[in-house]
Amino acid sequence: MTRAKAVEHGERRYSREKLFSISTEETKAQLLFEAANAQHLFSPQLLDPAAIPVATSPTMILAWYSQAIAAMRKVCWLVATKQEASVVAQSLYEEAKLHGKAIGNPRLPRNRRTWEDLIVDLVDRRNELIAEQCPPVLAANGMTYEVSWRNEILAALMGATYDSQVDCPDSPFENPSRFIRHLADWIGQLKRKRTATLNAWTADSIIEMWDNNQQLEPLLLSQFPRATWAALVEVSEAVTRGQRPDVEVSYTWTTDLARPYGFEEAGNQIALEGPLLCYPALEADKWRENAQVMLGLRGFELKRN
């Protein structure tokens, strides 16, 4: 899909409602505001007073956002490839081999191919294309098709629905990564659509991340200040114990540079305020280094004819 097509599809009502529930103009305005005021909005000390001070620049935001888009593209490619006709046909053959027939498919297609064979074919095709466009190619180039756990979590924050754990039979208490994946999706929806429900499933996810995964999940921890997380944990514990019903949470995109983050609780409702961007301010030193590398390679240069 070209950039123009992506913009066109993004403006459609279904796309707006699916991601933000509002026009893309409002979303663009908020993103531009946050990028222009990155140093004020994304100070690590606003999230954790004990964090090392790092001045966040628009270039650091751009470096991170480029990788967020890359994570989304990887997930989209993986989903589309796993739905490729020959791979689906192979799954029907495997079903027939196991059960004697493929339910609903009396005739099995011939153009079947395993996932591994598809990857080999894609790598060969890619190398042939490189050889045609950029000769000479002195050695074959490998292609990495795995989606890392970090990229999956980042893509979930950005709105991707792909879940590598969806068919996992384990309880999330035996496989805590299921909690983390759900929490990333919940936070992403809250920040984009500005409303979400804190139910028992989300409450367990918040408690799991807070108790056992803080060191492993700086991306998720960066979405709210520590004081907000502590308050959400307290609410979550009450929800899991059945001491209070599901809690409705609202989220306001901040425009207040003096007080960019907020938490208020009234009755069975919680009102949060903060940035739309899911930038991991607690990893600001890493993105400062990445931005410097990209600038050194002229990765952000806009060339005009």
Protein backbone atom coordinates (compact mmCIF):
# COMPACT_ATOMS: atom_id res chain seq x y z
CA MET A 1 0.00 0.00 0.00
CA THR A 2 1.36 3.42 -0.95
CA ARG A 3 1.55 6.31 1.55
CA ALA A 4 -1.26 8.10 -0.29
CA LYS A 5 -3.46 5.00 -0.06
CA ALA A 6 -2.62 4.62 3.63
CA VAL A 7 -3.73 8.21 4.29
CA GLU A 8 -6.89 7.68 2.23
CA HIS A 9 -7.81 4.52 4.14
CA GLY A 10 -6.94 6.18 7.44
CA GLU A 11 -9.49 8.93 6.79
CA ARG A 12 -12.34 6.47 6.32
CA ARG A 13 -14.93 6.38 9.07
CA TYR A 14 -14.29 2.73 9.92
CA SER A 15 -10.54 3.34 10.32
CA ARG A 16 -11.05 6.42 12.47
CA GLU A 17 -13.50 4.65 14.76
CA LYS A 18 -11.29 1.57 14.97
CA LEU A 19 -8.20 3.50 16.03
CA PHE A 20 -9.16 6.88 17.48
CA SER A 21 -12.94 7.45 17.16
CA ILE A 22 -12.19 10.99 15.89
CA SER A 23 -10.83 12.73 12.81
CA THR A 24 -7.19 12.30 11.90
CA GLU A 25 -6.80 16.10 11.99
CA GLU A 26 -7.33 16.15 15.77
CA THR A 27 -4.93 13.26 16.16
CA LYS A 28 -2.29 14.97 14.01
CA ALA A 29 -2.64 18.19 16.01
CA GLN A 30 -2.06 16.33 19.28
CA LEU A 31 0.95 14.43 17.91
CA LEU A 32 2.51 17.67 16.62
CA PHE A 33 1.93 19.32 19.99
CA GLU A 34 3.62 16.46 21.82
CA ALA A 35 6.58 16.34 19.43
CA ALA A 36 7.09 20.12 19.69
CA ASN A 37 6.97 19.95 23.51
CA ALA A 38 8.76 16.64 23.96
CA GLN A 39 11.26 18.01 26.47
CA HIS A 40 8.43 19.06 28.80
CA LEU A 41 6.08 16.11 28.31
CA PHE A 42 8.49 13.19 28.24
CA SER A 43 10.92 13.90 31.04
CA PRO A 44 11.73 10.57 32.77
CA GLN A 45 11.47 12.31 36.15
CA LEU A 46 7.80 13.08 35.54
CA LEU A 47 7.24 9.32 35.53
CA ASP A 48 9.70 8.37 38.23
CA PRO A 49 11.33 11.03 40.46
CA ALA A 50 14.30 8.68 40.91
CA ALA A 51 14.95 8.39 37.16
CA ILE A 52 18.11 9.81 35.61
CA PRO A 53 17.33 13.16 33.92
CA VAL A 54 17.44 12.99 30.11
CA ALA A 55 16.26 15.81 27.85
CA THR A 56 13.92 14.36 25.23
CA SER A 57 14.07 16.00 21.79
CA PRO A 58 11.72 15.75 18.78
CA THR A 59 14.49 13.79 17.03
CA MET A 60 14.35 11.14 19.75
CA ILE A 61 10.57 10.95 19.36
CA LEU A 62 11.01 10.53 15.61
CA ALA A 63 13.63 7.80 16.09
CA TRP A 64 11.28 5.88 18.39
CA TYR A 65 8.23 6.42 16.17
CA SER A 66 10.08 5.09 13.13
CA GLN A 67 10.67 1.86 15.04
CA ALA A 68 7.04 1.75 16.20
CA ILE A 69 5.97 1.89 12.54
CA ALA A 70 8.51 -0.81 11.72
CA ALA A 71 7.06 -3.04 14.46
CA MET A 72 3.56 -2.53 13.03
CA ARG A 73 4.75 -3.38 9.53
CA LYS A 74 6.45 -6.56 10.78
CA VAL A 75 3.28 -7.71 12.53
CA CYS A 76 1.11 -6.89 9.49
CA TRP A 77 3.51 -8.78 7.21
CA LEU A 78 3.51 -11.80 9.53
CA VAL A 79 -0.29 -11.94 9.72
CA ALA A 80 -0.72 -11.51 5.96
CA THR A 81 1.92 -14.15 5.20
CA LYS A 82 0.41 -16.71 7.56
CA GLN A 83 -2.88 -16.24 5.70
CA GLU A 84 -1.22 -16.86 2.32
CA ALA A 85 -3.32 -19.34 0.30
CA SER A 86 -0.72 -22.09 0.00
CA VAL A 87 0.03 -22.04 3.75
CA VAL A 88 -3.69 -22.22 4.54
CA ALA A 89 -3.99 -25.12 2.09
CA GLN A 90 -1.20 -26.94 3.91
CA SER A 91 -3.08 -26.55 7.20
CA LEU A 92 -6.10 -28.25 5.59
CA TYR A 93 -3.93 -31.21 4.60
CA GLU A 94 -2.60 -31.43 8.16
CA GLU A 95 -6.16 -31.34 9.50
CA ALA A 96 -7.23 -34.11 7.10
CA LYS A 97 -4.22 -36.20 8.08
CA LEU A 98 -5.08 -35.87 11.76
CA HIS A 99 -8.89 -36.23 11.59
CA GLY A 100 -9.42 -38.16 8.36
CA LYS A 101 -10.91 -35.13 6.59
CA ALA A 102 -10.91 -31.36 6.61
CA ILE A 103 -14.28 -30.18 7.91
CA GLY A 104 -16.16 -28.17 5.30
CA ASN A 105 -13.58 -28.88 2.58
CA PRO A 106 -14.38 -32.11 0.68
CA ARG A 107 -11.79 -31.22 -1.99
CA LEU A 108 -8.35 -30.19 -0.84
CA PRO A 109 -6.45 -27.58 -2.89
CA ARG A 110 -3.26 -28.65 -4.62
CA ASN A 111 -1.21 -25.50 -4.22
CA ARG A 112 -0.06 -26.25 -0.69
CA ARG A 113 3.19 -25.12 0.88
CA THR A 114 4.56 -25.28 4.42
CA TRP A 115 5.42 -22.12 6.30
CA GLU A 116 9.12 -23.02 6.11
CA ASP A 117 8.93 -23.54 2.32
CA LEU A 118 7.14 -20.20 1.92
CA ILE A 119 9.93 -18.40 3.78
CA VAL A 120 12.56 -20.07 1.57
CA ASP A 121 10.66 -18.97 -1.55
CA LEU A 122 10.28 -15.42 -0.24
CA VAL A 123 14.00 -15.17 0.56
CA ASP A 124 14.90 -16.44 -2.92
CA ARG A 125 12.48 -14.00 -4.52
CA ARG A 126 13.87 -11.13 -2.47
CA ASN A 127 17.46 -11.95 -3.40
CA GLU A 128 16.53 -12.18 -7.09
CA LEU A 129 14.88 -8.77 -6.87
CA ILE A 130 17.94 -7.26 -5.20
CA ALA A 131 20.15 -8.79 -7.88
CA GLU A 132 18.02 -7.19 -10.60
CA GLN A 133 17.82 -3.74 -9.01
CA CYS A 134 21.20 -3.46 -7.29
CA PRO A 135 23.75 -5.63 -9.11
CA PRO A 136 26.05 -7.22 -8.31
CA VAL A 137 25.01 -9.19 -5.25
CA LEU A 138 28.08 -10.99 -3.92
CA ALA A 139 26.29 -13.07 -1.30
CA ALA A 140 22.75 -14.11 -0.56
CA ASN A 141 20.92 -12.05 2.03
CA GLY A 142 18.99 -13.78 4.76
CA MET A 143 15.57 -12.55 5.85
CA THR A 144 14.42 -12.44 9.46
CA TYR A 145 10.71 -13.11 9.76
CA GLU A 146 10.28 -13.57 13.50
CA VAL A 147 8.49 -10.84 15.43
CA SER A 148 10.23 -10.17 18.73
CA TRP A 149 8.25 -9.99 21.96
CA ARG A 150 9.15 -6.31 22.34
CA ASN A 151 7.89 -5.56 18.83
CA GLU A 152 4.67 -7.44 19.53
CA ILE A 153 4.07 -5.40 22.69
CA LEU A 154 4.92 -2.15 20.91
CA ALA A 155 2.60 -3.02 18.02
CA ALA A 156 -0.18 -3.83 20.51
CA LEU A 157 0.22 -0.39 22.08
CA MET A 158 -0.09 1.11 18.60
CA GLY A 159 -3.28 -0.81 17.78
CA ALA A 160 -2.21 -4.16 16.30
CA THR A 161 -4.50 -7.07 17.20
CA TYR A 162 -1.96 -9.84 16.48
CA ASP A 163 -1.46 -12.05 19.55
CA SER A 164 1.16 -14.80 19.41
CA GLN A 165 -0.34 -16.31 22.58
CA VAL A 166 -3.94 -16.51 21.33
CA ASP A 167 -3.87 -20.32 20.91
CA CYS A 168 -1.84 -20.97 24.05
CA PRO A 169 -3.75 -23.43 26.29
CA ASP A 170 -1.89 -22.34 29.45
CA SER A 171 -3.52 -20.25 32.13
CA PRO A 172 -2.12 -16.71 32.17
CA PHE A 173 -1.00 -17.44 35.73
CA GLU A 174 1.22 -20.18 34.24
CA ASN A 175 2.17 -18.00 31.26
CA PRO A 176 2.31 -14.37 32.53
CA SER A 177 3.19 -13.03 29.08
CA ARG A 178 -0.52 -13.32 28.27
CA PHE A 179 -1.22 -10.76 30.99
CA ILE A 180 1.44 -8.42 29.59
CA ARG A 181 0.11 -8.70 26.03
CA HIS A 182 -3.42 -7.90 27.22
CA LEU A 183 -2.20 -4.93 29.27
CA ALA A 184 -0.39 -3.45 26.26
CA ASP A 185 -3.58 -3.73 24.21
CA TRP A 186 -5.64 -2.17 27.03
CA ILE A 187 -3.29 0.78 27.49
CA GLY A 188 -3.15 1.38 23.74
CA GLN A 189 -6.94 1.42 23.42
CA LEU A 190 -7.26 3.70 26.47
CA LYS A 191 -4.81 6.23 25.09
CA ARG A 192 -6.21 6.19 21.55
CA LYS A 193 -9.96 5.97 22.23
CA ARG A 194 -9.74 7.74 25.59
CA THR A 195 -11.95 5.26 27.41
CA ALA A 196 -11.61 1.67 28.64
CA THR A 197 -12.97 -0.65 31.33
CA LEU A 198 -10.77 -1.94 34.12
CA ASN A 199 -12.23 -5.42 34.65
CA ALA A 200 -10.85 -8.47 36.45
CA TRP A 201 -8.75 -9.55 33.44
CA THR A 202 -7.13 -6.12 33.18
CA ALA A 203 -6.77 -5.89 36.97
CA ASP A 204 -4.84 -9.19 37.08
CA SER A 205 -2.65 -7.91 34.22
CA ILE A 206 -1.82 -4.69 36.07
CA ILE A 207 -0.94 -6.56 39.26
CA GLU A 208 1.21 -9.09 37.37
CA MET A 209 3.20 -6.38 35.61
CA TRP A 210 3.65 -4.32 38.79
CA ASP A 211 4.65 -7.23 41.03
CA ASN A 212 6.81 -9.32 38.70
CA ASN A 213 7.72 -7.54 35.45
CA GLN A 214 8.75 -3.96 36.25
CA GLN A 215 12.37 -4.49 35.23
CA LEU A 216 11.31 -6.22 32.00
CA GLU A 217 8.65 -3.78 30.85
CA PRO A 218 10.01 -0.21 30.81
CA LEU A 219 7.86 0.42 27.73
CA LEU A 220 4.64 -0.23 29.65
CA LEU A 221 5.88 1.48 32.81
CA SER A 222 6.54 4.60 30.73
CA GLN A 223 2.86 5.02 29.92
CA PHE A 224 1.90 6.40 33.37
CA PRO A 225 3.75 7.93 36.35
CA ARG A 226 4.67 5.55 39.16
CA ALA A 227 2.11 7.21 41.43
CA THR A 228 -0.62 6.47 38.86
CA TRP A 229 0.52 2.86 38.54
CA ALA A 230 0.45 2.46 42.32
CA ALA A 231 -3.12 3.83 42.42
CA LEU A 232 -4.19 1.53 39.58
CA VAL A 233 -2.69 -1.45 41.43
CA GLU A 234 -4.70 -0.57 44.54
CA VAL A 235 -7.91 -0.35 42.50
CA SER A 236 -7.05 -3.58 40.69
CA GLU A 237 -6.56 -5.48 43.92
CA ALA A 238 -10.03 -4.40 45.05
CA VAL A 239 -11.51 -5.50 41.71
CA THR A 240 -9.84 -8.94 41.80
CA ARG A 241 -11.06 -9.49 45.37
CA GLY A 242 -14.61 -8.63 44.34
CA GLN A 243 -14.68 -5.61 46.62
CA ARG A 244 -15.69 -3.28 43.80
CA PRO A 245 -17.19 -3.69 40.32
CA ASP A 246 -15.50 -3.01 37.01
CA VAL A 247 -14.12 0.54 36.86
CA GLU A 248 -14.61 2.90 33.91
CA VAL A 249 -11.42 4.74 33.01
CA SER A 250 -11.27 7.85 30.84
CA TYR A 251 -8.15 9.40 29.31
CA THR A 252 -7.64 13.02 28.26
CA TRP A 253 -4.84 13.98 25.86
CA THR A 254 -2.80 16.53 27.75
CA THR A 255 -2.26 20.11 26.61
CA ASP A 256 -1.01 21.34 29.99
CA LEU A 257 2.78 21.66 29.98
CA ALA A 258 2.85 22.58 33.65
CA ARG A 259 0.87 19.47 34.68
CA PRO A 260 0.98 16.96 31.82
CA TYR A 261 -0.10 13.91 33.85
CA GLY A 262 -3.17 13.55 36.03
CA PHE A 263 -5.12 10.99 38.06
CA GLU A 264 -8.52 11.55 39.65
CA GLU A 265 -10.91 9.03 41.14
CA ALA A 266 -14.58 9.72 41.76
CA GLY A 267 -16.98 6.94 42.69
CA ASN A 268 -16.44 4.08 40.29
CA GLN A 269 -14.71 6.18 37.66
CA ILE A 270 -11.09 7.10 37.11
CA ALA A 271 -9.97 10.05 34.98
CA LEU A 272 -6.41 9.99 33.64
CA GLU A 273 -4.55 12.66 31.71
CA GLY A 274 -1.36 12.30 29.70
CA PRO A 275 0.21 12.19 26.23
CA LEU A 276 -1.21 10.26 23.30
CA LEU A 277 2.21 9.01 22.24
CA CYS A 278 3.41 5.81 23.90
CA TYR A 279 7.03 7.01 23.88
CA PRO A 280 9.10 5.09 26.50
CA ALA A 281 10.53 8.02 28.46
CA LEU A 282 12.14 5.63 30.97
CA GLU A 283 14.39 4.48 28.10
CA ALA A 284 15.21 8.01 26.94
CA ASP A 285 18.98 7.45 27.09
CA LYS A 286 18.62 4.58 24.61
CA TRP A 287 16.59 6.68 22.17
CA ARG A 288 19.02 9.58 22.47
CA GLU A 289 21.77 7.22 21.31
CA ASN A 290 19.60 5.78 18.52
CA ALA A 291 18.69 9.26 17.31
CA GLN A 292 22.36 10.25 17.20
CA VAL A 293 23.17 7.17 15.11
CA MET A 294 20.32 7.91 12.69
CA LEU A 295 21.38 11.53 12.35
CA GLY A 296 24.95 10.44 11.74
CA LEU A 297 23.73 8.19 8.94
CA ARG A 298 21.57 11.05 7.60
CA GLY A 299 18.53 8.89 8.25
CA PHE A 300 16.21 11.86 8.75
CA GLU A 301 17.43 13.91 5.79
CA LEU A 302 14.71 15.11 3.41
CA LYS A 303 16.07 15.47 -0.11
CA ARG A 304 14.43 17.85 -2.56
CA ASN A 305 15.06 17.93 -6.29
